[in-house]
């Protein structure tokens, strides 16, 4: 139960920190940069997955 409470406090703390970071222009740029990197990464994974599925269906 203690671990669940600590996890929830960490999640809430992260949301609060992100909220304050978006109010600062430098923090907003940092979060936008992180978001762009995550989007690039997930797009690459999705492309690789779709290529693999297409390759498997042609075999």
C-alpha atoms as a PDB file:
ATOM      1  CA  UNK A   1       0.000   0.000   0.000  1.00  0.00           C
ATOM      2  CA  UNK A   2       2.895   2.314   0.762  1.00  0.00           C
ATOM      3  CA  UNK A   3       4.317   1.750  -2.725  1.00  0.00           C
ATOM      4  CA  UNK A   4       0.999   2.645  -4.355  1.00  0.00           C
ATOM      5  CA  UNK A   5       0.824   5.864  -2.334  1.00  0.00           C
ATOM      6  CA  UNK A   6       4.379   6.797  -3.315  1.00  0.00           C
ATOM      7  CA  UNK A   7       3.614   6.053  -6.962  1.00  0.00           C
ATOM      8  CA  UNK A   8       0.506   8.228  -6.916  1.00  0.00           C
ATOM      9  CA  UNK A   9       2.397  11.053  -5.210  1.00  0.00           C
ATOM     10  CA  UNK A  10       5.046  10.828  -7.911  1.00  0.00           C
ATOM     11  CA  UNK A  11       2.464  10.981 -10.700  1.00  0.00           C
ATOM     12  CA  UNK A  12       0.699  13.964  -9.134  1.00  0.00           C
ATOM     13  CA  UNK A  13       4.051  15.668  -8.526  1.00  0.00           C
ATOM     14  CA  UNK A  14       4.978  15.153 -12.161  1.00  0.00           C
ATOM     15  CA  UNK A  15       1.756  16.739 -13.347  1.00  0.00           C
ATOM     16  CA  UNK A  16       2.256  19.706 -11.035  1.00  0.00           C
ATOM     17  CA  UNK A  17       5.843  20.166 -12.223  1.00  0.00           C
ATOM     18  CA  UNK A  18       4.785  19.960 -15.877  1.00  0.00           C
ATOM     19  CA  UNK A  19       2.037  22.503 -15.249  1.00  0.00           C
ATOM     20  CA  UNK A  20       4.518  25.006 -13.836  1.00  0.00           C
ATOM     21  CA  UNK A  21       7.034  24.279 -16.602  1.00  0.00           C
ATOM     22  CA  UNK A  22       4.508  25.115 -19.316  1.00  0.00           C
ATOM     23  CA  UNK A  23       4.012  28.574 -17.813  1.00  0.00           C
ATOM     24  CA  UNK A  24       7.704  29.404 -18.304  1.00  0.00           C
ATOM     25  CA  UNK A  25       8.790  29.959 -21.950  1.00  0.00           C
ATOM     26  CA  UNK A  26      11.995  27.966 -21.444  1.00  0.00           C
ATOM     27  CA  UNK A  27      10.076  25.107 -19.837  1.00  0.00           C
ATOM     28  CA  UNK A  28       7.542  25.208 -22.637  1.00  0.00           C
ATOM     29  CA  UNK A  29      10.348  24.891 -25.210  1.00  0.00           C
ATOM     30  CA  UNK A  30      11.874  22.002 -23.259  1.00  0.00           C
ATOM     31  CA  UNK A  31       8.578  20.110 -23.105  1.00  0.00           C
ATOM     32  CA  UNK A  32       7.961  20.772 -26.814  1.00  0.00           C
ATOM     33  CA  UNK A  33      11.419  19.381 -27.604  1.00  0.00           C
ATOM     34  CA  UNK A  34      10.779  16.270 -25.526  1.00  0.00           C
ATOM     35  CA  UNK A  35       7.376  15.825 -27.172  1.00  0.00           C
ATOM     36  CA  UNK A  36       8.939  16.081 -30.640  1.00  0.00           C
ATOM     37  CA  UNK A  37      11.537  13.435 -29.767  1.00  0.00           C
ATOM     38  CA  UNK A  38       8.885  11.088 -28.409  1.00  0.00           C
ATOM     39  CA  UNK A  39       6.753  11.623 -31.526  1.00  0.00           C
ATOM     40  CA  UNK A  40       9.726  10.839 -33.787  1.00  0.00           C
ATOM     41  CA  UNK A  41      10.457   7.694 -31.785  1.00  0.00           C
ATOM     42  CA  UNK A  42       6.874   6.437 -31.860  1.00  0.00           C
ATOM     43  CA  UNK A  43       6.566   7.237 -35.576  1.00  0.00           C
ATOM     44  CA  UNK A  44       9.710   5.191 -36.231  1.00  0.00           C
ATOM     45  CA  UNK A  45       8.359   2.276 -34.201  1.00  0.00           C
ATOM     46  CA  UNK A  46       4.995   2.435 -35.959  1.00  0.00           C
ATOM     47  CA  UNK A  47       6.685   2.516 -39.361  1.00  0.00           C
ATOM     48  CA  UNK A  48       8.822  -0.491 -38.503  1.00  0.00           C
ATOM     49  CA  UNK A  49       5.788  -2.374 -37.192  1.00  0.00           C
ATOM     50  CA  UNK A  50       3.745  -1.660 -40.305  1.00  0.00           C
ATOM     51  CA  UNK A  51       6.653  -2.670 -42.540  1.00  0.00           C
ATOM     52  CA  UNK A  52       6.984  -5.946 -40.636  1.00  0.00           C
ATOM     53  CA  UNK A  53       3.252  -6.634 -40.874  1.00  0.00           C
ATOM     54  CA  UNK A  54       3.319  -5.896 -44.606  1.00  0.00           C
ATOM     55  CA  UNK A  55       6.310  -8.211 -45.032  1.00  0.00           C
ATOM     56  CA  UNK A  56       4.587 -11.016 -43.103  1.00  0.00           C
ATOM     57  CA  UNK A  57       1.386 -10.771 -45.123  1.00  0.00           C
ATOM     58  CA  UNK A  58       3.274 -11.119 -48.420  1.00  0.00           C
ATOM     59  CA  UNK A  59       5.064 -14.304 -47.321  1.00  0.00           C
END
